[in-house]
Protein backbone atom coordinates (compact mmCIF):
# COMPACT_ATOMS: atom_id res chain seq x y z
CA MET A 1 -59.10 -8.20 -14.78
CA ARG A 2 -56.52 -10.53 -13.30
CA ARG A 3 -55.83 -12.04 -16.71
CA LEU A 4 -55.31 -8.58 -18.17
CA PHE A 5 -52.87 -7.73 -15.39
CA PHE A 6 -50.81 -10.88 -15.92
CA ALA A 7 -50.84 -10.38 -19.69
CA ASN A 8 -49.59 -6.81 -19.25
CA LEU A 9 -47.03 -7.94 -16.67
CA TYR A 10 -45.77 -10.59 -19.09
CA ARG A 11 -45.40 -7.95 -21.83
CA GLN A 12 -43.43 -5.68 -19.50
CA LEU A 13 -41.19 -8.50 -18.29
CA HIS A 14 -40.63 -9.63 -21.85
CA LEU A 15 -39.35 -6.15 -22.72
CA LEU A 16 -37.07 -5.80 -19.70
CA TRP A 17 -35.89 -9.41 -19.35
CA PRO A 18 -32.38 -8.66 -20.70
CA ILE A 19 -31.92 -6.00 -18.02
CA PHE A 20 -33.21 -8.28 -15.27
CA SER A 21 -30.93 -11.07 -16.49
CA ALA A 22 -27.88 -8.81 -16.58
CA ILE A 23 -28.50 -7.58 -13.03
CA LEU A 24 -28.98 -11.12 -11.73
CA ILE A 25 -25.82 -12.29 -13.49
CA VAL A 26 -23.81 -9.40 -12.02
CA MET A 27 -25.18 -10.19 -8.56
CA ALA A 28 -24.53 -13.93 -8.80
CA GLY A 29 -21.08 -13.38 -10.31
CA ALA A 30 -20.09 -10.95 -7.56
CA GLY A 31 -21.42 -13.39 -4.98
CA VAL A 32 -19.37 -16.26 -6.37
CA ILE A 33 -16.25 -14.07 -6.38
CA ILE A 34 -16.93 -13.05 -2.77
CA GLY A 35 -17.34 -16.72 -1.91
CA ARG A 36 -13.94 -17.48 -3.43
CA ILE A 37 -12.29 -14.58 -1.59
CA GLU A 38 -13.89 -15.47 1.74
CA ASP A 39 -13.53 -19.25 1.24
CA TRP A 40 -17.28 -19.89 1.48
CA ARG A 41 -19.14 -22.77 -0.11
CA LEU A 42 -21.17 -21.97 -3.24
CA ASP A 43 -24.50 -22.23 -1.42
CA GLU A 44 -23.25 -19.83 1.27
CA ALA A 45 -22.05 -17.37 -1.36
CA LEU A 46 -25.37 -17.41 -3.22
CA TYR A 47 -27.28 -17.17 0.05
CA PHE A 48 -25.20 -14.12 1.00
CA THR A 49 -25.76 -12.63 -2.46
CA PHE A 50 -29.52 -12.78 -2.38
CA VAL A 51 -29.87 -11.83 1.29
CA THR A 52 -27.70 -8.79 0.57
CA GLY A 53 -29.34 -8.07 -2.79
CA LEU A 54 -32.81 -8.10 -1.26
CA THR A 55 -31.44 -5.71 1.41
CA ILE A 56 -32.37 -8.10 4.21
CA GLY A 57 -28.82 -8.45 5.53
CA TYR A 58 -29.09 -10.98 8.36
CA GLY A 59 -25.40 -10.60 9.19
CA ASP A 60 -24.71 -14.29 9.68
CA LEU A 61 -22.23 -14.16 6.79
CA THR A 62 -20.12 -11.03 6.49
CA PRO A 63 -17.16 -10.42 4.19
CA LYS A 64 -13.88 -9.66 5.96
CA HIS A 65 -11.65 -8.66 3.02
CA LEU A 66 -11.84 -5.18 1.53
CA SER A 67 -12.34 -6.43 -2.03
CA ALA A 68 -15.20 -8.66 -0.91
CA ARG A 69 -16.82 -5.73 0.90
CA VAL A 70 -16.62 -3.60 -2.23
CA LEU A 71 -18.26 -6.39 -4.21
CA ALA A 72 -20.93 -6.63 -1.49
CA LEU A 73 -21.68 -2.95 -2.16
CA VAL A 74 -22.10 -3.79 -5.85
CA ILE A 75 -24.55 -6.54 -4.89
CA GLY A 76 -26.45 -4.20 -2.59
CA PHE A 77 -26.82 -1.45 -5.18
CA SER A 78 -27.76 -4.00 -7.84
CA GLY A 79 -30.43 -5.34 -5.53
CA ILE A 80 -31.86 -1.86 -5.03
CA VAL A 81 -31.98 -1.33 -8.81
CA LEU A 82 -33.59 -4.75 -9.29
CA THR A 83 -36.23 -4.02 -6.64
CA GLY A 84 -36.98 -0.67 -8.27
CA LEU A 85 -37.34 -2.29 -11.68
CA VAL A 86 -39.72 -4.93 -10.34
CA ALA A 87 -41.83 -2.22 -8.71
CA ALA A 88 -41.80 -0.11 -11.90
CA VAL A 89 -42.80 -3.05 -14.09
CA THR A 90 -45.64 -3.95 -11.73
CA VAL A 91 -46.95 -0.38 -11.65
CA GLN A 92 -46.72 -0.15 -15.43
CA ALA A 93 -48.70 -3.39 -15.77
CA LEU A 94 -51.32 -2.08 -13.34
CA ASN A 95 -51.62 1.17 -15.33
CA ALA A 96 -51.97 -0.73 -18.60
CA THR A 97 -54.63 -2.95 -17.02
CA ALA A 98 -56.57 0.09 -15.81
CA ARG A 99 -56.38 1.63 -19.31
CA ASP A 100 -57.55 -1.62 -20.91
CA GLU A 101 -60.45 -1.84 -18.44
CA ALA A 102 -61.45 1.76 -19.16
CA ASP A 103 -61.31 1.14 -22.92
CA ASP A 104 -63.62 -1.88 -22.58
CA ARG A 105 -66.33 0.22 -20.92
């Protein structure tokens, strides 16, 4: 059953990989721009991007400039969409696995 799930998950990810890639590129690009605006190192900018994108938001790095804050909103909304897509793909793979199991019986 586990193999079926991972096979179905792979099929779903293969279909939606361009969307996942585009969202990750938008998030990373916005993070790098925020890092340039706020004069952060690259590792700090990417750390901020993924902490914000995963909606964790520790608050240790916060943008001060208005344009950086607007870009942080873009990262946050992109992270919500990315999380929703991951959940949807996983549920779809679970449904396909359940159908495959039922067909085998």
